[in-house]
Structures are given as C-alpha cells and as structure tokens.
C-alpha atoms as a PDB file:
ATOM      1  CA  MET A   1      -1.010 -28.259   5.546  1.00  0.00           C
ATOM      2  CA  ALA A   2       1.766 -25.873   4.828  1.00  0.00           C
ATOM      3  CA  LYS A   3       0.596 -22.384   3.695  1.00  0.00           C
ATOM      4  CA  MET A   4      -2.966 -23.638   3.900  1.00  0.00           C
ATOM      5  CA  LEU A   5      -5.528 -21.237   2.296  1.00  0.00           C
ATOM      6  CA  LYS A   6      -2.787 -18.943   1.115  1.00  0.00           C
ATOM      7  CA  THR A   7      -4.811 -18.462  -1.983  1.00  0.00           C
ATOM      8  CA  LEU A   8      -8.210 -19.457  -3.269  1.00  0.00           C
ATOM      9  CA  ALA A   9      -7.396 -19.836  -6.917  1.00  0.00           C
ATOM     10  CA  ALA A  10      -9.906 -19.587  -9.680  1.00  0.00           C
ATOM     11  CA  ALA A  11     -11.332 -22.878 -10.915  1.00  0.00           C
ATOM     12  CA  THR A  12      -9.220 -24.592 -13.463  1.00  0.00           C
ATOM     13  CA  VAL A  13      -9.075 -27.931 -15.280  1.00  0.00           C
ATOM     14  CA  ALA A  14      -7.854 -30.735 -13.075  1.00  0.00           C
ATOM     15  CA  THR A  15      -4.073 -30.943 -13.125  1.00  0.00           C
ATOM     16  CA  VAL A  16      -2.344 -34.245 -12.965  1.00  0.00           C
ATOM     17  CA  VAL A  17       0.813 -33.852 -10.876  1.00  0.00           C
ATOM     18  CA  LEU A  18       2.347 -37.362 -10.557  1.00  0.00           C
ATOM     19  CA  THR A  19       1.579 -40.896 -11.644  1.00  0.00           C
ATOM     20  CA  VAL A  20       3.004 -44.001  -9.890  1.00  0.00           C
ATOM     21  CA  SER A  21       2.846 -47.290 -11.640  1.00  0.00           C
ATOM     22  CA  ALA A  22       2.314 -50.609  -9.969  1.00  0.00           C
ATOM     23  CA  SER A  23       1.139 -53.897 -11.239  1.00  0.00           C
ATOM     24  CA  ALA A  24      -2.264 -53.841 -13.130  1.00  0.00           C
ATOM     25  CA  GLY A  25      -4.583 -54.106 -10.103  1.00  0.00           C
ATOM     26  CA  GLY A  26      -6.506 -50.900 -11.117  1.00  0.00           C
ATOM     27  CA  LYS A  27      -6.143 -47.144 -10.818  1.00  0.00           C
ATOM     28  CA  ILE A  28      -6.855 -44.942  -7.896  1.00  0.00           C
ATOM     29  CA  ALA A  29      -7.327 -41.126  -8.017  1.00  0.00           C
ATOM     30  CA  TYR A  30      -6.185 -39.085  -5.044  1.00  0.00           C
ATOM     31  CA  PHE A  31      -7.667 -35.600  -4.870  1.00  0.00           C
ATOM     32  CA  ALA A  32      -5.347 -33.454  -2.809  1.00  0.00           C
ATOM     33  CA  ALA A  33      -6.581 -30.212  -1.174  1.00  0.00           C
ATOM     34  CA  ALA A  34      -3.391 -28.765  -2.775  1.00  0.00           C
ATOM     35  CA  SER A  35      -0.713 -31.022  -4.322  1.00  0.00           C
ATOM     36  CA  GLN A  36       2.114 -28.714  -3.489  1.00  0.00           C
ATOM     37  CA  ASN A  37       1.158 -28.676   0.186  1.00  0.00           C
ATOM     38  CA  GLY A  38       3.555 -30.742   2.379  1.00  0.00           C
ATOM     39  CA  PHE A  39       0.798 -32.425   4.464  1.00  0.00           C
ATOM     40  CA  ASN A  40      -1.048 -33.498   1.253  1.00  0.00           C
ATOM     41  CA  GLN A  41       2.151 -34.737  -0.341  1.00  0.00           C
ATOM     42  CA  ALA A  42       2.848 -36.860   2.701  1.00  0.00           C
ATOM     43  CA  THR A  43      -0.728 -38.317   2.603  1.00  0.00           C
ATOM     44  CA  TYR A  44      -0.194 -39.179  -0.985  1.00  0.00           C
ATOM     45  CA  GLU A  45       3.130 -40.980  -0.218  1.00  0.00           C
ATOM     46  CA  GLY A  46       1.086 -43.171   2.065  1.00  0.00           C
ATOM     47  CA  VAL A  47      -1.374 -43.883  -0.632  1.00  0.00           C
ATOM     48  CA  GLN A  48       1.410 -44.619  -3.028  1.00  0.00           C
ATOM     49  CA  GLU A  49       3.146 -47.169  -0.698  1.00  0.00           C
ATOM     50  CA  MET A  50      -0.048 -48.988   0.123  1.00  0.00           C
ATOM     51  CA  ALA A  51      -1.156 -48.986  -3.558  1.00  0.00           C
ATOM     52  CA  ALA A  52       2.203 -50.485  -4.622  1.00  0.00           C
ATOM     53  CA  LYS A  53       1.835 -53.179  -2.015  1.00  0.00           C
ATOM     54  CA  ARG A  54      -1.695 -54.061  -3.245  1.00  0.00           C
ATOM     55  CA  GLY A  55      -0.909 -53.791  -7.006  1.00  0.00           C
ATOM     56  CA  TYR A  56      -2.532 -50.560  -8.022  1.00  0.00           C
ATOM     57  CA  GLU A  57      -1.637 -47.456  -9.889  1.00  0.00           C
ATOM     58  CA  THR A  58      -2.264 -43.967  -8.501  1.00  0.00           C
ATOM     59  CA  GLU A  59      -2.724 -40.462  -9.801  1.00  0.00           C
ATOM     60  CA  VAL A  60      -2.921 -37.207  -7.843  1.00  0.00           C
ATOM     61  CA  PHE A  61      -5.007 -34.195  -8.734  1.00  0.00           C
ATOM     62  CA  ASP A  62      -4.226 -30.713  -7.483  1.00  0.00           C
ATOM     63  CA  GLY A  63      -7.290 -29.102  -5.760  1.00  0.00           C
ATOM     64  CA  LYS A  64      -5.383 -25.794  -5.307  1.00  0.00           C
ATOM     65  CA  PHE A  65      -7.127 -25.203  -2.001  1.00  0.00           C
ATOM     66  CA  ASP A  66     -10.203 -24.378  -4.062  1.00  0.00           C
ATOM     67  CA  ALA A  67     -13.496 -26.149  -3.517  1.00  0.00           C
ATOM     68  CA  ALA A  68     -14.841 -25.492  -6.948  1.00  0.00           C
ATOM     69  CA  VAL A  69     -11.705 -26.797  -8.620  1.00  0.00           C
ATOM     70  CA  GLN A  70     -11.831 -29.956  -6.597  1.00  0.00           C
ATOM     71  CA  PHE A  71     -15.549 -30.604  -7.245  1.00  0.00           C
ATOM     72  CA  SER A  72     -14.935 -30.343 -11.052  1.00  0.00           C
ATOM     73  CA  GLN A  73     -12.002 -32.602 -10.774  1.00  0.00           C
ATOM     74  CA  VAL A  74     -13.916 -35.342  -9.145  1.00  0.00           C
ATOM     75  CA  GLU A  75     -16.690 -34.996 -11.825  1.00  0.00           C
ATOM     76  CA  ASP A  76     -14.136 -34.999 -14.729  1.00  0.00           C
ATOM     77  CA  VAL A  77     -12.174 -37.970 -13.380  1.00  0.00           C
ATOM     78  CA  LEU A  78     -15.301 -40.007 -12.784  1.00  0.00           C
ATOM     79  CA  ALA A  79     -16.485 -39.232 -16.305  1.00  0.00           C
ATOM     80  CA  SER A  80     -13.246 -40.375 -17.800  1.00  0.00           C
ATOM     81  CA  GLY A  81     -14.018 -43.975 -16.589  1.00  0.00           C
ATOM     82  CA  ASN A  82     -10.328 -44.546 -16.080  1.00  0.00           C
ATOM     83  CA  PHE A  83     -10.300 -44.944 -12.329  1.00  0.00           C
ATOM     84  CA  ASP A  84     -11.439 -47.693 -10.075  1.00  0.00           C
ATOM     85  CA  GLY A  85     -11.310 -45.948  -6.702  1.00  0.00           C
ATOM     86  CA  PHE A  86     -11.164 -42.398  -5.265  1.00  0.00           C
ATOM     87  CA  ILE A  87      -9.575 -40.827  -2.188  1.00  0.00           C
ATOM     88  CA  ILE A  88     -10.217 -37.206  -1.374  1.00  0.00           C
ATOM     89  CA  ALA A  89      -8.803 -34.579   1.044  1.00  0.00           C
ATOM     90  CA  PRO A  90     -11.750 -32.261   0.907  1.00  0.00           C
ATOM     91  CA  ASN A  91     -11.392 -28.446   0.687  1.00  0.00           C
ATOM     92  CA  ASP A  92     -15.125 -28.143   1.511  1.00  0.00           C
ATOM     93  CA  ASN A  93     -16.350 -31.039   3.652  1.00  0.00           C
ATOM     94  CA  VAL A  94     -20.009 -29.989   3.022  1.00  0.00           C
ATOM     95  CA  GLY A  95     -19.778 -28.709  -0.558  1.00  0.00           C
ATOM     96  CA  ILE A  96     -17.961 -31.776  -1.968  1.00  0.00           C
ATOM     97  CA  ALA A  97     -20.808 -34.102  -0.904  1.00  0.00           C
ATOM     98  CA  GLY A  98     -22.534 -33.842  -4.272  1.00  0.00           C
ATOM     99  CA  ALA A  99     -19.466 -34.997  -6.081  1.00  0.00           C
ATOM    100  CA  VAL A 100     -18.932 -37.823  -3.651  1.00  0.00           C
ATOM    101  CA  GLU A 101     -22.536 -38.954  -4.134  1.00  0.00           C
ATOM    102  CA  GLN A 102     -21.934 -39.115  -7.979  1.00  0.00           C
ATOM    103  CA  VAL A 103     -18.974 -41.383  -7.346  1.00  0.00           C
ATOM    104  CA  ILE A 104     -20.988 -43.620  -5.095  1.00  0.00           C
ATOM    105  CA  ALA A 105     -23.865 -43.680  -7.576  1.00  0.00           C
ATOM    106  CA  ALA A 106     -21.372 -44.931 -10.251  1.00  0.00           C
ATOM    107  CA  GLY A 107     -20.484 -47.808  -8.086  1.00  0.00           C
ATOM    108  CA  LYS A 108     -16.869 -46.682  -7.301  1.00  0.00           C
ATOM    109  CA  PRO A 109     -15.442 -46.821  -3.749  1.00  0.00           C
ATOM    110  CA  ILE A 110     -14.401 -43.474  -2.256  1.00  0.00           C
ATOM    111  CA  ALA A 111     -12.645 -42.625   1.019  1.00  0.00           C
ATOM    112  CA  THR A 112     -12.175 -39.200   2.695  1.00  0.00           C
ATOM    113  CA  VAL A 113      -9.049 -38.253   4.649  1.00  0.00           C
ATOM    114  CA  LEU A 114      -8.245 -35.565   7.212  1.00  0.00           C
ATOM    115  CA  PHE A 115     -11.917 -34.445   7.394  1.00  0.00           C
ATOM    116  CA  PRO A 116     -15.204 -36.198   7.109  1.00  0.00           C
ATOM    117  CA  VAL A 117     -17.551 -35.444   4.277  1.00  0.00           C
ATOM    118  CA  GLY A 118     -20.809 -33.920   5.600  1.00  0.00           C
ATOM    119  CA  PRO A 119     -22.033 -31.284   8.081  1.00  0.00           C
ATOM    120  CA  GLU A 120     -21.044 -33.131  11.226  1.00  0.00           C
ATOM    121  CA  MET A 121     -17.356 -32.591  11.485  1.00  0.00           C
ATOM    122  CA  ASN A 122     -16.856 -34.372  14.838  1.00  0.00           C
ATOM    123  CA  THR A 123     -18.146 -37.765  13.629  1.00  0.00           C
ATOM    124  CA  LEU A 124     -16.286 -40.345  11.538  1.00  0.00           C
ATOM    125  CA  GLU A 125     -19.256 -42.484  10.684  1.00  0.00           C
ATOM    126  CA  PRO A 126     -20.195 -42.089   7.069  1.00  0.00           C
ATOM    127  CA  GLN A 127     -22.762 -39.291   6.589  1.00  0.00           C
ATOM    128  CA  ILE A 128     -23.340 -40.282   3.037  1.00  0.00           C
ATOM    129  CA  GLU A 129     -24.768 -43.733   2.279  1.00  0.00           C
ATOM    130  CA  GLY A 130     -22.240 -45.724   0.481  1.00  0.00           C
ATOM    131  CA  LEU A 131     -19.175 -43.787   1.484  1.00  0.00           C
ATOM    132  CA  THR A 132     -16.350 -46.431   1.833  1.00  0.00           C
ATOM    133  CA  ALA A 133     -14.304 -44.984   4.653  1.00  0.00           C
ATOM    134  CA  THR A 134     -13.497 -41.873   6.642  1.00  0.00           C
ATOM    135  CA  VAL A 135      -9.804 -41.725   7.874  1.00  0.00           C
ATOM    136  CA  ALA A 136      -9.504 -38.526   9.979  1.00  0.00           C
ATOM    137  CA  SER A 137      -9.233 -36.977  13.395  1.00  0.00           C
ATOM    138  CA  PRO A 138     -12.461 -35.434  14.910  1.00  0.00           C
ATOM    139  CA  PRO A 139     -11.617 -31.789  15.795  1.00  0.00           C
ATOM    140  CA  VAL A 140     -13.055 -31.471  19.302  1.00  0.00           C
ATOM    141  CA  PRO A 141     -11.319 -34.296  21.137  1.00  0.00           C
ATOM    142  CA  GLY A 142      -7.909 -33.187  19.834  1.00  0.00           C
ATOM    143  CA  ALA A 143      -8.565 -29.472  20.528  1.00  0.00           C
ATOM    144  CA  THR A 144      -9.709 -30.384  24.004  1.00  0.00           C
ATOM    145  CA  LEU A 145      -6.523 -32.187  24.594  1.00  0.00           C
ATOM    146  CA  GLN A 146      -4.499 -29.231  23.469  1.00  0.00           C
ATOM    147  CA  ALA A 147      -6.352 -26.736  25.494  1.00  0.00           C
ATOM    148  CA  GLN A 148      -6.239 -28.883  28.564  1.00  0.00           C
ATOM    149  CA  ALA A 149      -2.408 -29.086  28.253  1.00  0.00           C
ATOM    150  CA  VAL A 150      -2.359 -25.205  28.396  1.00  0.00           C
ATOM    151  CA  VAL A 151      -4.613 -25.287  31.451  1.00  0.00           C
ATOM    152  CA  ASP A 152      -2.195 -27.622  33.208  1.00  0.00           C
ATOM    153  CA  PHE A 153       0.751 -25.346  32.390  1.00  0.00           C
ATOM    154  CA  CYS A 154      -1.224 -22.271  33.636  1.00  0.00           C
ATOM    155  CA  ALA A 155      -2.255 -23.950  37.009  1.00  0.00           C
ATOM    156  CA  ASP A 156       0.159 -21.900  39.169  1.00  0.00           C
ATOM    157  CA  LYS A 157      -0.005 -18.686  37.195  1.00  0.00           C
ATOM    158  CA  ASP A 158      -2.571 -15.892  37.825  1.00  0.00           C
ATOM    159  CA  PRO A 159      -3.125 -14.408  35.431  1.00  0.00           C
ATOM    160  CA  CYS A 160      -1.869 -16.744  32.630  1.00  0.00           C
ATOM    161  CA  ASN A 161      -1.881 -14.827  29.420  1.00  0.00           C
ATOM    162  CA  VAL A 162      -2.661 -16.993  26.441  1.00  0.00           C
ATOM    163  CA  VAL A 163      -2.470 -16.266  22.613  1.00  0.00           C
ATOM    164  CA  ILE A 164      -4.474 -18.486  20.255  1.00  0.00           C
ATOM    165  CA  LEU A 165      -3.318 -18.860  16.706  1.00  0.00           C
ATOM    166  CA  ILE A 166      -5.949 -20.574  14.539  1.00  0.00           C
ATOM    167  CA  GLY A 167      -5.498 -21.388  10.909  1.00  0.00           C
ATOM    168  CA  ALA A 168      -8.386 -19.563   9.368  1.00  0.00           C
ATOM    169  CA  LYS A 169     -11.833 -18.691  10.705  1.00  0.00           C
ATOM    170  CA  ILE A 170     -13.502 -19.177   7.306  1.00  0.00           C
ATOM    171  CA  PHE A 171     -12.755 -22.905   7.718  1.00  0.00           C
ATOM    172  CA  PRO A 172     -15.618 -24.616   9.662  1.00  0.00           C
ATOM    173  CA  PHE A 173     -13.260 -27.171  11.259  1.00  0.00           C
ATOM    174  CA  ASP A 174     -10.929 -24.296  12.439  1.00  0.00           C
ATOM    175  CA  ASN A 175     -13.889 -22.521  13.896  1.00  0.00           C
ATOM    176  CA  LEU A 176     -14.859 -25.702  15.799  1.00  0.00           C
ATOM    177  CA  ARG A 177     -11.341 -25.993  17.122  1.00  0.00           C
ATOM    178  CA  LEU A 178     -11.316 -22.361  18.157  1.00  0.00           C
ATOM    179  CA  GLU A 179     -14.722 -22.737  20.005  1.00  0.00           C
ATOM    180  CA  THR A 180     -13.291 -25.767  21.782  1.00  0.00           C
ATOM    181  CA  TYR A 181     -10.067 -23.934  22.877  1.00  0.00           C
ATOM    182  CA  GLN A 182     -12.103 -20.970  24.077  1.00  0.00           C
ATOM    183  CA  LYS A 183     -14.646 -23.095  25.981  1.00  0.00           C
ATOM    184  CA  VAL A 184     -11.952 -25.153  27.795  1.00  0.00           C
ATOM    185  CA  LEU A 185      -9.816 -22.151  28.650  1.00  0.00           C
ATOM    186  CA  ALA A 186     -12.811 -20.051  29.824  1.00  0.00           C
ATOM    187  CA  GLU A 187     -13.543 -22.551  32.545  1.00  0.00           C
ATOM    188  CA  HIS A 188     -10.454 -21.389  34.475  1.00  0.00           C
ATOM    189  CA  ALA A 189     -10.528 -17.842  35.916  1.00  0.00           C
ATOM    190  CA  ASN A 190      -6.797 -17.480  35.979  1.00  0.00           C
ATOM    191  CA  ILE A 191      -6.465 -17.845  32.246  1.00  0.00           C
ATOM    192  CA  LYS A 192      -6.870 -14.759  30.073  1.00  0.00           C
ATOM    193  CA  VAL A 193      -6.946 -15.198  26.229  1.00  0.00           C
ATOM    194  CA  VAL A 194      -5.282 -11.909  25.300  1.00  0.00           C
ATOM    195  CA  SER A 195      -5.641 -12.315  21.501  1.00  0.00           C
ATOM    196  CA  VAL A 196      -6.762 -14.617  18.710  1.00  0.00           C
ATOM    197  CA  GLY A 197      -4.834 -14.462  15.440  1.00  0.00           C
ATOM    198  CA  GLU A 198      -5.212 -16.240  12.089  1.00  0.00           C
ATOM    199  CA  GLY A 199      -1.999 -17.885  10.863  1.00  0.00           C
ATOM    200  CA  PHE A 200      -3.421 -19.208   7.685  1.00  0.00           C
ATOM    201  CA  TYR A 201      -1.118 -22.282   7.901  1.00  0.00           C
ATOM    202  CA  SER A 202       1.851 -20.107   6.983  1.00  0.00           C
ATOM    203  CA  PRO A 203       5.102 -19.366   8.767  1.00  0.00           C
ATOM    204  CA  GLU A 204       5.255 -15.867   7.135  1.00  0.00           C
ATOM    205  CA  THR A 205       1.691 -15.075   8.289  1.00  0.00           C
ATOM    206  CA  GLY A 206       2.281 -16.543  11.761  1.00  0.00           C
ATOM    207  CA  LEU A 207       5.385 -14.196  12.128  1.00  0.00           C
ATOM    208  CA  ASN A 208       3.489 -11.122  11.023  1.00  0.00           C
ATOM    209  CA  VAL A 209       0.274 -11.881  13.102  1.00  0.00           C
ATOM    210  CA  MET A 210       2.305 -12.716  16.256  1.00  0.00           C
ATOM    211  CA  THR A 211       4.434  -9.544  15.799  1.00  0.00           C
ATOM    212  CA  ASP A 212       1.264  -7.472  15.755  1.00  0.00           C
ATOM    213  CA  ILE A 213      -0.133  -9.323  18.775  1.00  0.00           C
ATOM    214  CA  LEU A 214       3.002  -8.791  20.733  1.00  0.00           C
ATOM    215  CA  GLN A 215       3.042  -5.043  20.042  1.00  0.00           C
ATOM    216  CA  ALA A 216      -0.440  -4.880  21.626  1.00  0.00           C
ATOM    217  CA  ASN A 217       0.025  -7.329  24.431  1.00  0.00           C
ATOM    218  CA  SER A 218       2.811  -7.950  26.992  1.00  0.00           C
ATOM    219  CA  GLY A 219       3.555 -10.743  29.383  1.00  0.00           C
ATOM    220  CA  VAL A 220       2.369 -13.672  27.239  1.00  0.00           C
ATOM    221  CA  HIS A 221       2.794 -16.997  28.904  1.00  0.00           C
ATOM    222  CA  ALA A 222       1.550 -19.489  26.354  1.00  0.00           C
ATOM    223  CA  VAL A 223       0.684 -19.820  22.656  1.00  0.00           C
ATOM    224  CA  LEU A 224      -1.873 -22.300  21.556  1.00  0.00           C
ATOM    225  CA  SER A 225      -1.876 -23.148  17.851  1.00  0.00           C
ATOM    226  CA  ASN A 226      -3.579 -25.772  15.612  1.00  0.00           C
ATOM    227  CA  ALA A 227      -0.786 -25.600  12.959  1.00  0.00           C
ATOM    228  CA  ASP A 228       3.038 -26.078  13.368  1.00  0.00           C
ATOM    229  CA  GLN A 229       3.655 -23.962  10.281  1.00  0.00           C
ATOM    230  CA  GLN A 230       2.126 -20.801  11.805  1.00  0.00           C
ATOM    231  CA  MET A 231       3.726 -21.591  15.169  1.00  0.00           C
ATOM    232  CA  ALA A 232       7.101 -21.710  13.548  1.00  0.00           C
ATOM    233  CA  GLY A 233       6.730 -18.128  12.435  1.00  0.00           C
ATOM    234  CA  ALA A 234       5.244 -17.141  15.774  1.00  0.00           C
ATOM    235  CA  GLU A 235       8.357 -18.432  17.564  1.00  0.00           C
ATOM    236  CA  ILE A 236      10.503 -16.024  15.462  1.00  0.00           C
ATOM    237  CA  ALA A 237       8.316 -13.193  16.553  1.00  0.00           C
ATOM    238  CA  LEU A 238       8.608 -14.265  20.213  1.00  0.00           C
ATOM    239  CA  ASP A 239      12.307 -14.381  19.967  1.00  0.00           C
ATOM    240  CA  ALA A 240      12.563 -10.994  18.347  1.00  0.00           C
ATOM    241  CA  ALA A 241      10.336  -9.580  21.145  1.00  0.00           C
ATOM    242  CA  GLY A 242      12.743 -10.859  23.776  1.00  0.00           C
ATOM    243  CA  TYR A 243      10.696 -13.738  25.083  1.00  0.00           C
ATOM    244  CA  ASN A 244      12.455 -16.864  26.594  1.00  0.00           C
ATOM    245  CA  VAL A 245      10.498 -19.272  24.467  1.00  0.00           C
ATOM    246  CA  PRO A 246      11.567 -22.523  26.334  1.00  0.00           C
ATOM    247  CA  GLU A 247      10.025 -20.931  29.436  1.00  0.00           C
ATOM    248  CA  MET A 248       6.721 -20.467  27.784  1.00  0.00           C
ATOM    249  CA  TYR A 249       4.209 -23.081  26.803  1.00  0.00           C
ATOM    250  CA  ILE A 250       4.262 -23.641  23.095  1.00  0.00           C
ATOM    251  CA  MET A 251       1.686 -25.887  21.412  1.00  0.00           C
ATOM    252  CA  GLY A 252       1.578 -26.615  17.673  1.00  0.00           C
ATOM    253  CA  GLY A 253      -0.575 -28.903  15.510  1.00  0.00           C
ATOM    254  CA  GLY A 254       0.317 -31.475  12.772  1.00  0.00           C
ATOM    255  CA  ALA A 255       3.526 -33.052  14.078  1.00  0.00           C
ATOM    256  CA  ALA A 256       5.636 -31.667  11.220  1.00  0.00           C
ATOM    257  CA  ASP A 257       9.372 -32.011  11.270  1.00  0.00           C
ATOM    258  CA  VAL A 258       9.764 -28.475  12.621  1.00  0.00           C
ATOM    259  CA  ALA A 259       7.665 -29.280  15.633  1.00  0.00           C
ATOM    260  CA  ILE A 260       9.238 -32.680  16.401  1.00  0.00           C
ATOM    261  CA  ASP A 261      12.699 -31.097  16.300  1.00  0.00           C
ATOM    262  CA  ALA A 262      11.571 -28.203  18.477  1.00  0.00           C
ATOM    263  CA  ILE A 263      10.116 -30.481  21.035  1.00  0.00           C
ATOM    264  CA  ARG A 264      13.163 -32.654  21.206  1.00  0.00           C
ATOM    265  CA  LYS A 265      15.339 -29.526  21.676  1.00  0.00           C
ATOM    266  CA  GLY A 266      13.088 -28.186  24.419  1.00  0.00           C
ATOM    267  CA  ARG A 267      11.856 -25.119  22.584  1.00  0.00           C
ATOM    268  CA  TRP A 268       8.281 -26.287  22.189  1.00  0.00           C
ATOM    269  CA  ASP A 269       6.161 -28.312  24.601  1.00  0.00           C
ATOM    270  CA  ALA A 270       3.817 -30.290  22.324  1.00  0.00           C
ATOM    271  CA  THR A 271       2.008 -30.790  19.030  1.00  0.00           C
ATOM    272  CA  LEU A 272      -1.115 -32.619  18.072  1.00  0.00           C
ATOM    273  CA  ALA A 273      -0.382 -35.112  15.379  1.00  0.00           C
ATOM    274  CA  TYR A 274      -2.481 -36.052  12.271  1.00  0.00           C
ATOM    275  CA  PHE A 275      -0.020 -38.634  10.813  1.00  0.00           C
ATOM    276  CA  PRO A 276      -0.634 -37.881   7.099  1.00  0.00           C
ATOM    277  CA  LYS A 277       1.392 -40.748   5.687  1.00  0.00           C
ATOM    278  CA  THR A 278      -0.243 -43.380   7.904  1.00  0.00           C
ATOM    279  CA  MET A 279      -3.611 -41.797   7.070  1.00  0.00           C
ATOM    280  CA  GLY A 280      -3.095 -42.117   3.369  1.00  0.00           C
ATOM    281  CA  ALA A 281      -2.000 -45.673   3.604  1.00  0.00           C
ATOM    282  CA  LEU A 282      -4.946 -46.656   5.683  1.00  0.00           C
ATOM    283  CA  ALA A 283      -7.370 -44.956   3.295  1.00  0.00           C
ATOM    284  CA  MET A 284      -5.789 -46.777   0.315  1.00  0.00           C
ATOM    285  CA  GLU A 285      -6.024 -50.009   2.200  1.00  0.00           C
ATOM    286  CA  GLN A 286      -9.838 -49.593   2.595  1.00  0.00           C
ATOM    287  CA  ILE A 287     -10.263 -48.709  -1.082  1.00  0.00           C
ATOM    288  CA  ALA A 288      -8.356 -51.814  -2.134  1.00  0.00           C
ATOM    289  CA  ASN A 289     -10.403 -53.897   0.272  1.00  0.00           C
ATOM    290  CA  ALA A 290     -13.552 -52.539  -1.225  1.00  0.00           C
ATOM    291  CA  ILE A 291     -12.500 -53.270  -4.788  1.00  0.00           C
ATOM    292  CA  GLU A 292     -11.351 -56.773  -3.831  1.00  0.00           C
ATOM    293  CA  GLY A 293     -14.442 -57.631  -1.859  1.00  0.00           C
ATOM    294  CA  LYS A 294     -12.601 -57.797   1.489  1.00  0.00           C
ATOM    295  CA  PRO A 295     -13.801 -56.367   4.795  1.00  0.00           C
ATOM    296  CA  VAL A 296     -13.631 -52.552   5.111  1.00  0.00           C
ATOM    297  CA  THR A 297     -13.251 -50.372   8.121  1.00  0.00           C
ATOM    298  CA  ASN A 298     -15.613 -47.507   7.583  1.00  0.00           C
ATOM    299  CA  ALA A 299     -14.247 -45.176  10.269  1.00  0.00           C
ATOM    300  CA  ILE A 300     -10.641 -44.830  11.357  1.00  0.00           C
ATOM    301  CA  ASN A 301      -9.741 -42.424  14.006  1.00  0.00           C
ATOM    302  CA  MET A 302      -6.245 -41.005  13.513  1.00  0.00           C
ATOM    303  CA  ASP A 303      -6.127 -39.911  17.118  1.00  0.00           C
ATOM    304  CA  GLU A 304      -5.883 -43.738  17.741  1.00  0.00           C
ATOM    305  CA  ALA A 305      -4.352 -45.180  14.687  1.00  0.00           C
ATOM    306  CA  GLY A 306      -1.000 -43.365  14.585  1.00  0.00           C
ATOM    307  CA  PRO A 307       2.423 -44.879  15.347  1.00  0.00           C
ATOM    308  CA  VAL A 308       2.523 -42.877  18.649  1.00  0.00           C
ATOM    309  CA  GLN A 309      -0.194 -41.149  20.693  1.00  0.00           C
ATOM    310  CA  ALA A 310      -1.677 -38.040  19.042  1.00  0.00           C
ATOM    311  CA  LEU A 311      -0.605 -35.508  21.591  1.00  0.00           C
ATOM    312  CA  ILE A 312       3.141 -35.615  21.230  1.00  0.00           C
ATOM    313  CA  ASP A 313       5.378 -34.022  23.920  1.00  0.00           C
ATOM    314  CA  LYS A 314       8.887 -34.726  24.979  1.00  0.00           C
ATOM    315  CA  SER A 315       7.986 -37.740  27.179  1.00  0.00           C
ATOM    316  CA  VAL A 316       6.359 -39.354  24.097  1.00  0.00           C
ATOM    317  CA  LEU A 317       9.444 -38.713  21.984  1.00  0.00           C
ATOM    318  CA  ASP A 318      11.827 -39.902  24.766  1.00  0.00           C
ATOM    319  CA  ALA A 319       9.777 -43.128  24.877  1.00  0.00           C
ATOM    320  CA  ASN A 320       9.848 -43.467  21.029  1.00  0.00           C
ATOM    321  CA  PRO A 321      13.298 -42.253  20.065  1.00  0.00           C
ATOM    322  CA  ASP A 322      13.011 -43.733  16.524  1.00  0.00           C
ATOM    323  CA  PHE A 323       9.817 -41.748  15.724  1.00  0.00           C
ATOM    324  CA  VAL A 324      10.224 -39.509  12.635  1.00  0.00           C
ATOM    325  CA  ALA A 325       7.826 -36.841  11.559  1.00  0.00           C
ATOM    326  CA  GLU A 326       5.658 -37.941   8.678  1.00  0.00           C
ATOM    327  CA  TRP A 327       5.812 -34.647   6.844  1.00  0.00           C
ATOM    328  CA  GLN A 328       7.738 -31.397   6.285  1.00  0.00           C
ATOM    329  CA  GLN A 329       6.186 -28.015   6.680  1.00  0.00           C
END
C-alpha cells in the first residue's frame, strides 16, 4: 500500500501494465487499486504464480487509487469479452459493487482481495450473491490485536502517551481501524492518546505528520500505526527529535520489508501482516477452481491463512528465521 491515496487521479481509460503468458487455460484480469503500489504488485505476483501453475494468462489494470477509474475498467474489460475470470483490489468497497454485479450477471467468476465488497467491512462472507471469493483480513480483529499489544507495553506506565498514525480517515476501513484502536485504548485510564495523525501510506507524509505531532507533544512512549510506510517516516522524525526508538513501542502494519528488518534489528516491536503475495495466489486459486468446476472456498481470512501468524514480533521471526517479507514498501 505504499503511498496509498497520494493522489485521487481523474478517471482515465484502463491501462494495461503487464501481461504474463501461460498455457491456454483462459485469461484472468487483475484490477489493482494502483499498479505502481508495492502491495498491489506483490498481490499480482501471487496471482501470476498461481495462474502459471494452473495454466492461465493474466493481465493487470491500474486503478490509480481512483474508484471511478476502477469501476470503468471493470465494465470495459467485461465488455471486451476477452477474460474468463476477475480479481479486484477495490478502491471503494461499496461503490464497486455495481461493477461486480455486472461481472456476476455475465457468468464470470470474480474474487476480491484485501477488502470485502459491500458495506460490512468486518465480514468475509460474500455480501453479493454470486461473488466467488473474498480473500482478506477483517479490520477489527487485527486492529484489536495491535491496540492490545500497546496496552500490554503500557501496563507499568502512568501516563503512557500514545500517538496513532492512521492511513486516511476518508477510507471507511481506516476509520474502522481507528475506532477500534481508540476503543481498546480508552478502556485503560493510564493510556493517553496525545495525537492522531494521517500518514496517507507514505514515508514522506509520515515524517512530516510525526514531526508536527512531536513539536506539539512531548514524552511519547508508543506509536501505533496501521501502515509500515508511514511508520518508516515517523521513525525518522522520532530519531530527529532525540527519542530512543528501541525503548519505545513501535507498531506498524503490512509486514513490508522495512518492518521485518526493523523488528529483527530491535528498532520496532511488531507489525500486523496482510501477506499480499499469498493473498493473490489464494484468490487466483479460487477463480481457477470456479472456472474448472472444482470446490471453491468463498471466504479466506488472511489473519489465519498466512505463512506465519498475522501479528509479527521478534519472537515470531526468531521462530521462523526463513520468513521473508512478501512486499517492499
């Protein structure tokens, strides 16, 4: 999700970024939230690998982090008649429903990754009749784990001053995460949330926002973030302000390479993983199964389906020394 929501570009014609050929088993369209985004690229790598194993070709379309662009792309690709299956990383989990319904009405299998399609963001069960599969992580359980880890760190500190860095409040799923963080932390009188900043999934924005926060607040003990990218920038701001980062509690989100390296080196404490490459492979597997008339798993929880547990800290990495981050920020 690197630099997620950096820009909401004007709607343009669907852009084909990359084509991967396999044997003639059919053609699958992957609609990336933004094809230049590292998380989406890793998801597509998983799609590609599974497609090659199952004998399919794939094509990726650049949604430019723009819901209108992505909606039009799905309609255009469906109208072309050149694709046998669809996988989408939705920019608007509610707004895209109309395009998904068109795909289903045309008799084509479609899976959603990262987020469910529909108003209920915390359920993986299909909210649209005929949706092939949802391969994602429900926001509330993961956010609860993150916040509880901060609570554990703060147990012997009173007050324990916490900064929350959320991606962007305009995203419903980020609002849900933020509400969960605040609810869990508010249950503990010793914890004081001194500031909430929006990092917009960007190291640069994370640096600038955290710099401003630290100018207005002193004695910060913990930083809770839903994105590794913005946490990477925030760490630079903490260093510049004279904080001893390894003594703080630093929580990221996404399990990008920067987070895994920082945890192994003792600078960060944890990150909540989404496993994009594994997610893409599992979604492609369900689409292939649907096309071939094989059993399909309609709901796959990435909190449970990853190569290691979703909340990754040093103990998890020590127990899994061969684990490699599935994406680069």
